[in-house]
Amino acid sequence: MKRIFKDYRNITDKHMLLIREKYPKGFSDSDLTTIKTSDGDYLDVLEIPTSDALYLIRITHDLLCLIEDFNLNMDFSDELEPASKGRNED
């Protein structure tokens, strides 16, 4: 399986949807994997497996802002639970 590194500069809507699909309620530090680069640096990544590749998406402050903006601009209204029937309308 191919390992593909992604950064916020080259992430697409496809990758954003993969993140949303794997972590529908968001992700936390415990979901991150720390890997060591060939330069000896360490990166925090989200591992997103697909049928043909393992995406290693580098998590940075800029990416977190991009994900937040993406989620705000998407229409997820079909995923919301219906309001309870006994609720009083004002």
PDB file of N, CA and C in Angstrom:
ATOM      1  N   MET A   1       0.842  -1.180   0.000  1.00  0.00           N
ATOM      2  CA  MET A   1       0.000   0.000   0.000  1.00  0.00           C
ATOM      3  C   MET A   1       0.887   1.243   0.000  1.00  0.00           C
ATOM      4  N   LYS A   2       0.510   2.196  -0.842  1.00  0.00           N
ATOM      5  CA  LYS A   2       1.264   3.444  -0.918  1.00  0.00           C
ATOM      6  C   LYS A   2       1.000   4.295   0.313  1.00  0.00           C
ATOM      7  N   ARG A   3       2.029   4.980   0.761  1.00  0.00           N
ATOM      8  CA  ARG A   3       1.901   5.966   1.839  1.00  0.00           C
ATOM      9  C   ARG A   3       2.071   7.336   1.205  1.00  0.00           C
ATOM     10  N   ILE A   4       1.045   8.151   1.328  1.00  0.00           N
ATOM     11  CA  ILE A   4       1.047   9.469   0.696  1.00  0.00           C
ATOM     12  C   ILE A   4       0.955  10.532   1.780  1.00  0.00           C
ATOM     13  N   PHE A   5       1.970  11.387   1.822  1.00  0.00           N
ATOM     14  CA  PHE A   5       1.984  12.488   2.783  1.00  0.00           C
ATOM     15  C   PHE A   5       1.255  13.681   2.195  1.00  0.00           C
ATOM     16  N   LYS A   6       0.413  14.303   3.010  1.00  0.00           N
ATOM     17  CA  LYS A   6      -0.314  15.486   2.595  1.00  0.00           C
ATOM     18  C   LYS A   6      -0.097  16.585   3.619  1.00  0.00           C
ATOM     19  N   ASP A   7      -0.071  17.796   3.130  1.00  0.00           N
ATOM     20  CA  ASP A   7       0.074  18.982   3.956  1.00  0.00           C
ATOM     21  C   ASP A   7      -1.086  19.904   3.620  1.00  0.00           C
ATOM     22  N   TYR A   8      -1.349  20.890   4.467  1.00  0.00           N
ATOM     23  CA  TYR A   8      -2.478  21.773   4.225  1.00  0.00           C
ATOM     24  C   TYR A   8      -2.357  22.495   2.884  1.00  0.00           C
ATOM     25  N   ARG A   9      -1.153  22.651   2.369  1.00  0.00           N
ATOM     26  CA  ARG A   9      -0.960  23.365   1.108  1.00  0.00           C
ATOM     27  C   ARG A   9      -1.416  22.559  -0.099  1.00  0.00           C
ATOM     28  N   ASN A  10      -1.494  21.234   0.028  1.00  0.00           N
ATOM     29  CA  ASN A  10      -1.899  20.426  -1.122  1.00  0.00           C
ATOM     30  C   ASN A  10      -3.062  19.490  -0.808  1.00  0.00           C
ATOM     31  N   ILE A  11      -3.838  19.835   0.197  1.00  0.00           N
ATOM     32  CA  ILE A  11      -4.997  19.021   0.546  1.00  0.00           C
ATOM     33  C   ILE A  11      -6.191  19.465  -0.312  1.00  0.00           C
ATOM     34  N   THR A  12      -6.996  18.495  -0.730  1.00  0.00           N
ATOM     35  CA  THR A  12      -8.149  18.783  -1.585  1.00  0.00           C
ATOM     36  C   THR A  12      -9.439  18.505  -0.821  1.00  0.00           C
ATOM     37  N   ASP A  13     -10.561  18.837  -1.445  1.00  0.00           N
ATOM     38  CA  ASP A  13     -11.856  18.538  -0.833  1.00  0.00           C
ATOM     39  C   ASP A  13     -12.016  17.031  -0.619  1.00  0.00           C
ATOM     40  N   LYS A  14     -11.452  16.236  -1.513  1.00  0.00           N
ATOM     41  CA  LYS A  14     -11.505  14.774  -1.367  1.00  0.00           C
ATOM     42  C   LYS A  14     -10.880  14.351  -0.035  1.00  0.00           C
ATOM     43  N   HIS A  15      -9.728  14.918   0.278  1.00  0.00           N
ATOM     44  CA  HIS A  15      -9.048  14.588   1.529  1.00  0.00           C
ATOM     45  C   HIS A  15      -9.830  15.095   2.733  1.00  0.00           C
ATOM     46  N   MET A  16     -10.429  16.273   2.587  1.00  0.00           N
ATOM     47  CA  MET A  16     -11.236  16.819   3.677  1.00  0.00           C
ATOM     48  C   MET A  16     -12.431  15.906   3.956  1.00  0.00           C
ATOM     49  N   LEU A  17     -13.036  15.382   2.900  1.00  0.00           N
ATOM     50  CA  LEU A  17     -14.164  14.465   3.082  1.00  0.00           C
ATOM     51  C   LEU A  17     -13.715  13.155   3.726  1.00  0.00           C
ATOM     52  N   LEU A  18     -12.514  12.687   3.374  1.00  0.00           N
ATOM     53  CA  LEU A  18     -11.978  11.471   4.003  1.00  0.00           C
ATOM     54  C   LEU A  18     -11.784  11.684   5.506  1.00  0.00           C
ATOM     55  N   ILE A  19     -11.274  12.845   5.873  1.00  0.00           N
ATOM     56  CA  ILE A  19     -11.100  13.171   7.297  1.00  0.00           C
ATOM     57  C   ILE A  19     -12.466  13.215   7.976  1.00  0.00           C
ATOM     58  N   ARG A  20     -13.405  13.880   7.349  1.00  0.00           N
ATOM     59  CA  ARG A  20     -14.756  14.010   7.922  1.00  0.00           C
ATOM     60  C   ARG A  20     -15.421  12.644   8.078  1.00  0.00           C
ATOM     61  N   GLU A  21     -15.195  11.768   7.097  1.00  0.00           N
ATOM     62  CA  GLU A  21     -15.776  10.430   7.147  1.00  0.00           C
ATOM     63  C   GLU A  21     -15.176   9.599   8.284  1.00  0.00           C
ATOM     64  N   LYS A  22     -13.866   9.673   8.441  1.00  0.00           N
ATOM     65  CA  LYS A  22     -13.203   8.879   9.476  1.00  0.00           C
ATOM     66  C   LYS A  22     -13.435   9.461  10.870  1.00  0.00           C
ATOM     67  N   TYR A  23     -13.488  10.771  10.979  1.00  0.00           N
ATOM     68  CA  TYR A  23     -13.657  11.450  12.269  1.00  0.00           C
ATOM     69  C   TYR A  23     -14.863  12.383  12.203  1.00  0.00           C
ATOM     70  N   PRO A  24     -16.083  11.842  12.136  1.00  0.00           N
ATOM     71  CA  PRO A  24     -17.275  12.695  11.970  1.00  0.00           C
ATOM     72  C   PRO A  24     -17.509  13.657  13.134  1.00  0.00           C
ATOM     73  N   LYS A  25     -17.024  13.317  14.313  1.00  0.00           N
ATOM     74  CA  LYS A  25     -17.194  14.195  15.477  1.00  0.00           C
ATOM     75  C   LYS A  25     -15.919  14.962  15.792  1.00  0.00           C
ATOM     76  N   GLY A  26     -14.979  14.955  14.867  1.00  0.00           N
ATOM     77  CA  GLY A  26     -13.699  15.622  15.075  1.00  0.00           C
ATOM     78  C   GLY A  26     -12.660  14.647  15.600  1.00  0.00           C
ATOM     79  N   PHE A  27     -11.444  15.125  15.732  1.00  0.00           N
ATOM     80  CA  PHE A  27     -10.368  14.283  16.228  1.00  0.00           C
ATOM     81  C   PHE A  27      -9.645  14.992  17.355  1.00  0.00           C
ATOM     82  N   SER A  28      -8.908  14.196  18.122  1.00  0.00           N
ATOM     83  CA  SER A  28      -8.173  14.753  19.254  1.00  0.00           C
ATOM     84  C   SER A  28      -6.714  14.322  19.151  1.00  0.00           C
ATOM     85  N   ASP A  29      -5.930  14.733  20.113  1.00  0.00           N
ATOM     86  CA  ASP A  29      -4.513  14.370  20.129  1.00  0.00           C
ATOM     87  C   ASP A  29      -4.314  12.859  20.147  1.00  0.00           C
ATOM     88  N   SER A  30      -5.232  12.128  20.754  1.00  0.00           N
ATOM     89  CA  SER A  30      -5.081  10.668  20.829  1.00  0.00           C
ATOM     90  C   SER A  30      -5.258   9.997  19.465  1.00  0.00           C
ATOM     91  N   ASP A  31      -5.839  10.705  18.485  1.00  0.00           N
ATOM     92  CA  ASP A  31      -6.005  10.169  17.138  1.00  0.00           C
ATOM     93  C   ASP A  31      -4.771  10.393  16.265  1.00  0.00           C
ATOM     94  N   LEU A  32      -3.856  11.217  16.734  1.00  0.00           N
ATOM     95  CA  LEU A  32      -2.664  11.544  15.955  1.00  0.00           C
ATOM     96  C   LEU A  32      -1.576  10.490  16.151  1.00  0.00           C
ATOM     97  N   THR A  33      -0.825  10.283  15.093  1.00  0.00           N
ATOM     98  CA  THR A  33       0.331   9.399  15.140  1.00  0.00           C
ATOM     99  C   THR A  33       1.570  10.253  14.929  1.00  0.00           C
ATOM    100  N   THR A  34       2.579  10.056  15.742  1.00  0.00           N
ATOM    101  CA  THR A  34       3.829  10.790  15.587  1.00  0.00           C
ATOM    102  C   THR A  34       4.795   9.926  14.787  1.00  0.00           C
ATOM    103  N   ILE A  35       5.308  10.502  13.704  1.00  0.00           N
ATOM    104  CA  ILE A  35       6.268   9.766  12.875  1.00  0.00           C
ATOM    105  C   ILE A  35       7.572  10.558  12.792  1.00  0.00           C
ATOM    106  N   LYS A  36       8.646   9.826  12.573  1.00  0.00           N
ATOM    107  CA  LYS A  36       9.958  10.449  12.440  1.00  0.00           C
ATOM    108  C   LYS A  36      10.306  10.540  10.958  1.00  0.00           C
ATOM    109  N   THR A  37      10.723  11.723  10.522  1.00  0.00           N
ATOM    110  CA  THR A  37      11.086  11.929   9.119  1.00  0.00           C
ATOM    111  C   THR A  37      12.534  11.518   8.885  1.00  0.00           C
ATOM    112  N   SER A  38      12.911  11.480   7.625  1.00  0.00           N
ATOM    113  CA  SER A  38      14.290  11.140   7.291  1.00  0.00           C
ATOM    114  C   SER A  38      15.274  12.197   7.792  1.00  0.00           C
ATOM    115  N   ASP A  39      14.787  13.419   8.046  1.00  0.00           N
ATOM    116  CA  ASP A  39      15.627  14.501   8.582  1.00  0.00           C
ATOM    117  C   ASP A  39      15.782  14.428  10.097  1.00  0.00           C
ATOM    118  N   GLY A  40      15.071  13.485  10.722  1.00  0.00           N
ATOM    119  CA  GLY A  40      15.131  13.366  12.167  1.00  0.00           C
ATOM    120  C   GLY A  40      14.092  14.194  12.902  1.00  0.00           C
ATOM    121  N   ASP A  41      13.253  14.913  12.146  1.00  0.00           N
ATOM    122  CA  ASP A  41      12.167  15.684  12.755  1.00  0.00           C
ATOM    123  C   ASP A  41      10.985  14.760  13.033  1.00  0.00           C
ATOM    124  N   TYR A  42      10.074  15.238  13.868  1.00  0.00           N
ATOM    125  CA  TYR A  42       8.865  14.483  14.172  1.00  0.00           C
ATOM    126  C   TYR A  42       7.650  15.255  13.677  1.00  0.00           C
ATOM    127  N   LEU A  43       6.686  14.527  13.119  1.00  0.00           N
ATOM    128  CA  LEU A  43       5.453  15.117  12.630  1.00  0.00           C
ATOM    129  C   LEU A  43       4.261  14.427  13.263  1.00  0.00           C
ATOM    130  N   ASP A  44       3.220  15.191  13.538  1.00  0.00           N
ATOM    131  CA  ASP A  44       1.948  14.613  13.959  1.00  0.00           C
ATOM    132  C   ASP A  44       1.079  14.483  12.718  1.00  0.00           C
ATOM    133  N   VAL A  45       0.559  13.282  12.485  1.00  0.00           N
ATOM    134  CA  VAL A  45      -0.254  13.035  11.299  1.00  0.00           C
ATOM    135  C   VAL A  45      -1.529  12.289  11.675  1.00  0.00           C
ATOM    136  N   LEU A  46      -2.538  12.465  10.847  1.00  0.00           N
ATOM    137  CA  LEU A  46      -3.728  11.631  10.896  1.00  0.00           C
ATOM    138  C   LEU A  46      -3.534  10.555   9.841  1.00  0.00           C
ATOM    139  N   GLU A  47      -3.762   9.321  10.198  1.00  0.00           N
ATOM    140  CA  GLU A  47      -3.677   8.235   9.230  1.00  0.00           C
ATOM    141  C   GLU A  47      -5.076   7.984   8.681  1.00  0.00           C
ATOM    142  N   ILE A  48      -5.223   8.114   7.372  1.00  0.00           N
ATOM    143  CA  ILE A  48      -6.509   7.899   6.710  1.00  0.00           C
ATOM    144  C   ILE A  48      -6.309   6.796   5.675  1.00  0.00           C
ATOM    145  N   PRO A  49      -6.726   5.572   6.000  1.00  0.00           N
ATOM    146  CA  PRO A  49      -6.565   4.482   5.032  1.00  0.00           C
ATOM    147  C   PRO A  49      -7.672   4.480   3.990  1.00  0.00           C
ATOM    148  N   THR A  50      -7.313   4.205   2.751  1.00  0.00           N
ATOM    149  CA  THR A  50      -8.281   3.991   1.677  1.00  0.00           C
ATOM    150  C   THR A  50      -7.941   2.657   1.035  1.00  0.00           C
ATOM    151  N   SER A  51      -8.685   2.273   0.040  1.00  0.00           N
ATOM    152  CA  SER A  51      -8.434   0.976  -0.591  1.00  0.00           C
ATOM    153  C   SER A  51      -7.103   0.929  -1.333  1.00  0.00           C
ATOM    154  N   ASP A  52      -6.615   2.072  -1.800  1.00  0.00           N
ATOM    155  CA  ASP A  52      -5.382   2.083  -2.581  1.00  0.00           C
ATOM    156  C   ASP A  52      -4.195   2.783  -1.925  1.00  0.00           C
ATOM    157  N   ALA A  53      -4.418   3.479  -0.794  1.00  0.00           N
ATOM    158  CA  ALA A  53      -3.309   4.227  -0.183  1.00  0.00           C
ATOM    159  C   ALA A  53      -3.593   4.504   1.291  1.00  0.00           C
ATOM    160  N   LEU A  54      -2.519   4.807   1.992  1.00  0.00           N
ATOM    161  CA  LEU A  54      -2.614   5.287   3.364  1.00  0.00           C
ATOM    162  C   LEU A  54      -2.179   6.745   3.334  1.00  0.00           C
ATOM    163  N   TYR A  55      -3.138   7.645   3.577  1.00  0.00           N
ATOM    164  CA  TYR A  55      -2.822   9.069   3.597  1.00  0.00           C
ATOM    165  C   TYR A  55      -2.334   9.433   4.993  1.00  0.00           C
ATOM    166  N   LEU A  56      -1.215  10.108   5.035  1.00  0.00           N
ATOM    167  CA  LEU A  56      -0.651  10.632   6.281  1.00  0.00           C
ATOM    168  C   LEU A  56      -0.777  12.148   6.181  1.00  0.00           C
ATOM    169  N   ILE A  57      -1.766  12.669   6.856  1.00  0.00           N
ATOM    170  CA  ILE A  57      -2.084  14.085   6.731  1.00  0.00           C
ATOM    171  C   ILE A  57      -1.483  14.842   7.897  1.00  0.00           C
ATOM    172  N   ARG A  58      -0.518  15.685   7.557  1.00  0.00           N
ATOM    173  CA  ARG A  58       0.209  16.453   8.567  1.00  0.00           C
ATOM    174  C   ARG A  58      -0.729  17.470   9.200  1.00  0.00           C
ATOM    175  N   ILE A  59      -0.754  17.477  10.505  1.00  0.00           N
ATOM    176  CA  ILE A  59      -1.641  18.361  11.243  1.00  0.00           C
ATOM    177  C   ILE A  59      -0.862  19.600  11.685  1.00  0.00           C
ATOM    178  N   THR A  60      -1.351  20.746  11.243  1.00  0.00           N
ATOM    179  CA  THR A  60      -0.781  22.033  11.628  1.00  0.00           C
ATOM    180  C   THR A  60      -1.932  22.959  12.015  1.00  0.00           C
ATOM    181  N   HIS A  61      -1.603  24.078  12.604  1.00  0.00           N
ATOM    182  CA  HIS A  61      -2.623  25.071  12.957  1.00  0.00           C
ATOM    183  C   HIS A  61      -3.372  25.524  11.704  1.00  0.00           C
ATOM    184  N   ASP A  62      -2.650  25.728  10.606  1.00  0.00           N
ATOM    185  CA  ASP A  62      -3.283  26.171   9.365  1.00  0.00           C
ATOM    186  C   ASP A  62      -4.284  25.142   8.854  1.00  0.00           C
ATOM    187  N   LEU A  63      -3.952  23.853   8.968  1.00  0.00           N
ATOM    188  CA  LEU A  63      -4.873  22.808   8.527  1.00  0.00           C
ATOM    189  C   LEU A  63      -6.108  22.774   9.419  1.00  0.00           C
ATOM    190  N   LEU A  64      -5.935  22.933  10.713  1.00  0.00           N
ATOM    191  CA  LEU A  64      -7.086  22.948  11.610  1.00  0.00           C
ATOM    192  C   LEU A  64      -8.052  24.071  11.244  1.00  0.00           C
ATOM    193  N   CYS A  65      -7.533  25.228  10.879  1.00  0.00           N
ATOM    194  CA  CYS A  65      -8.384  26.347  10.441  1.00  0.00           C
ATOM    195  C   CYS A  65      -9.085  26.004   9.126  1.00  0.00           C
ATOM    196  N   LEU A  66      -8.362  25.353   8.207  1.00  0.00           N
ATOM    197  CA  LEU A  66      -8.938  24.959   6.931  1.00  0.00           C
ATOM    198  C   LEU A  66     -10.067  23.952   7.128  1.00  0.00           C
ATOM    199  N   ILE A  67      -9.879  22.989   8.017  1.00  0.00           N
ATOM    200  CA  ILE A  67     -10.919  21.994   8.307  1.00  0.00           C
ATOM    201  C   ILE A  67     -12.144  22.677   8.903  1.00  0.00           C
ATOM    202  N   GLU A  68     -11.927  23.600   9.821  1.00  0.00           N
ATOM    203  CA  GLU A  68     -13.044  24.312  10.442  1.00  0.00           C
ATOM    204  C   GLU A  68     -13.838  25.094   9.399  1.00  0.00           C
ATOM    205  N   ASP A  69     -13.140  25.788   8.504  1.00  0.00           N
ATOM    206  CA  ASP A  69     -13.809  26.537   7.439  1.00  0.00           C
ATOM    207  C   ASP A  69     -14.568  25.594   6.507  1.00  0.00           C
ATOM    208  N   PHE A  70     -13.968  24.464   6.172  1.00  0.00           N
ATOM    209  CA  PHE A  70     -14.610  23.481   5.298  1.00  0.00           C
ATOM    210  C   PHE A  70     -15.904  22.984   5.926  1.00  0.00           C
ATOM    211  N   ASN A  71     -15.855  22.627   7.194  1.00  0.00           N
ATOM    212  CA  ASN A  71     -17.040  22.120   7.879  1.00  0.00           C
ATOM    213  C   ASN A  71     -18.124  23.190   7.990  1.00  0.00           C
ATOM    214  N   LEU A  72     -17.741  24.436   8.180  1.00  0.00           N
ATOM    215  CA  LEU A  72     -18.724  25.514   8.260  1.00  0.00           C
ATOM    216  C   LEU A  72     -19.416  25.748   6.921  1.00  0.00           C
ATOM    217  N   ASN A  73     -18.707  25.533   5.822  1.00  0.00           N
ATOM    218  CA  ASN A  73     -19.255  25.801   4.498  1.00  0.00           C
ATOM    219  C   ASN A  73     -20.001  24.621   3.896  1.00  0.00           C
ATOM    220  N   MET A  74     -19.888  23.445   4.470  1.00  0.00           N
ATOM    221  CA  MET A  74     -20.589  22.262   3.957  1.00  0.00           C
ATOM    222  C   MET A  74     -21.990  22.215   4.551  1.00  0.00           C
ATOM    223  N   ASP A  75     -22.914  21.640   3.810  1.00  0.00           N
ATOM    224  CA  ASP A  75     -24.286  21.480   4.285  1.00  0.00           C
ATOM    225  C   ASP A  75     -24.448  20.062   4.815  1.00  0.00           C
ATOM    226  N   PHE A  76     -24.443  19.907   6.128  1.00  0.00           N
ATOM    227  CA  PHE A  76     -24.603  18.610   6.757  1.00  0.00           C
ATOM    228  C   PHE A  76     -25.997  18.471   7.368  1.00  0.00           C
ATOM    229  N   SER A  77     -26.968  19.253   6.871  1.00  0.00           N
ATOM    230  CA  SER A  77     -28.295  19.257   7.464  1.00  0.00           C
ATOM    231  C   SER A  77     -28.967  17.893   7.393  1.00  0.00           C
ATOM    232  N   ASP A  78     -28.628  17.075   6.391  1.00  0.00           N
ATOM    233  CA  ASP A  78     -29.235  15.753   6.300  1.00  0.00           C
ATOM    234  C   ASP A  78     -28.698  14.806   7.357  1.00  0.00           C
ATOM    235  N   GLU A  79     -27.614  15.172   8.039  1.00  0.00           N
ATOM    236  CA  GLU A  79     -27.035  14.343   9.088  1.00  0.00           C
ATOM    237  C   GLU A  79     -27.585  14.691  10.468  1.00  0.00           C
ATOM    238  N   LEU A  80     -28.344  15.795  10.562  1.00  0.00           N
ATOM    239  CA  LEU A  80     -28.860  16.220  11.856  1.00  0.00           C
ATOM    240  C   LEU A  80     -30.033  15.348  12.267  1.00  0.00           C
ATOM    241  N   GLU A  81     -30.160  15.125  13.566  1.00  0.00           N
ATOM    242  CA  GLU A  81     -31.283  14.348  14.075  1.00  0.00           C
ATOM    243  C   GLU A  81     -32.537  15.208  14.037  1.00  0.00           C
ATOM    244  N   PRO A  82     -33.683  14.595  13.752  1.00  0.00           N
ATOM    245  CA  PRO A  82     -34.920  15.381  13.742  1.00  0.00           C
ATOM    246  C   PRO A  82     -35.261  15.899  15.131  1.00  0.00           C
ATOM    247  N   ALA A  83     -35.905  17.053  15.202  1.00  0.00           N
ATOM    248  CA  ALA A  83     -36.306  17.631  16.488  1.00  0.00           C
ATOM    249  C   ALA A  83     -37.349  16.735  17.122  1.00  0.00           C
ATOM    250  N   SER A  84     -37.369  16.704  18.450  1.00  0.00           N
ATOM    251  CA  SER A  84     -38.341  15.861  19.141  1.00  0.00           C
ATOM    252  C   SER A  84     -39.747  16.372  18.884  1.00  0.00           C
ATOM    253  N   LYS A  85     -40.702  15.442  18.825  1.00  0.00           N
ATOM    254  CA  LYS A  85     -42.079  15.796  18.482  1.00  0.00           C
ATOM    255  C   LYS A  85     -42.770  16.589  19.586  1.00  0.00           C
ATOM    256  N   GLY A  86     -42.380  16.409  20.851  1.00  0.00           N
ATOM    257  CA  GLY A  86     -43.040  17.070  21.953  1.00  0.00           C
ATOM    258  C   GLY A  86     -42.532  18.463  22.242  1.00  0.00           C
ATOM    259  N   ARG A  87     -41.673  18.989  21.404  1.00  0.00           N
ATOM    260  CA  ARG A  87     -41.057  20.298  21.650  1.00  0.00           C
ATOM    261  C   ARG A  87     -42.071  21.414  21.391  1.00  0.00           C
ATOM    262  N   ASN A  88     -42.126  22.380  22.292  1.00  0.00           N
ATOM    263  CA  ASN A  88     -43.023  23.515  22.142  1.00  0.00           C
ATOM    264  C   ASN A  88     -42.401  24.540  21.226  1.00  0.00           C
ATOM    265  N   GLU A  89     -43.200  25.067  20.309  1.00  0.00           N
ATOM    266  CA  GLU A  89     -42.747  26.118  19.408  1.00  0.00           C
ATOM    267  C   GLU A  89     -43.045  27.467  20.032  1.00  0.00           C
ATOM    268  N   ASP A  90     -42.137  28.403  20.005  1.00  0.00           N
ATOM    269  CA  ASP A  90     -42.357  29.748  20.549  1.00  0.00           C
ATOM    270  C   ASP A  90     -42.906  30.661  19.484  1.00  0.00           C
TER     271      ASP A  90
END
